[in-house]
């Protein structure tokens, strides 16, 4: 359990071990569909995708996740195997997990966000990513990306982040 002890009380307040569970459950749904194609090459075109997960609220810190985006493969004739993509995502923290952090802070009389022992209550993180995948060879793709994250870690007091990255993918 992410909040209660074996007696059904807030474990962060009682100091007892968190209630154990003999099982977990969850649901995952994913969809992807190519919606356009080039007459000369059906592998090129626009695809849409979405993913949704729901998790067991008694045993998981994250209770749901939603992601949607689009990918266009072969935007330029000279770069038919390159792809460009954009996606949005939302990660939601289980309210019981947030309640546990608040109870833990209360039990330890911690109210100052700047105290290293303080557990900031987490809620929802939002993110967006834009990338361009350069297909250099059949075995090598380089994918620079730019990500924007609102409320990193689900903590509203953390500054939003703009992050640049690069992914190098090889197949042998």
Foldseek 3Di string as FASTA:
>chain_A
DLAACPVRHGCLQVVHDRHDDPDWDKDKDKDKDFDDADPVDRVFGKMKMKMKMAIGLRPDQWGIKIKIKMKTACPDVVQRGKMKMKMKMKIFTRVSNLVSLVSNCVNVVHDDPPPPVRDARAGMKMKMKIWIWRCPDPFKIKIKMWMWMACVVRHNVDDIDIDIDMDIGGDD
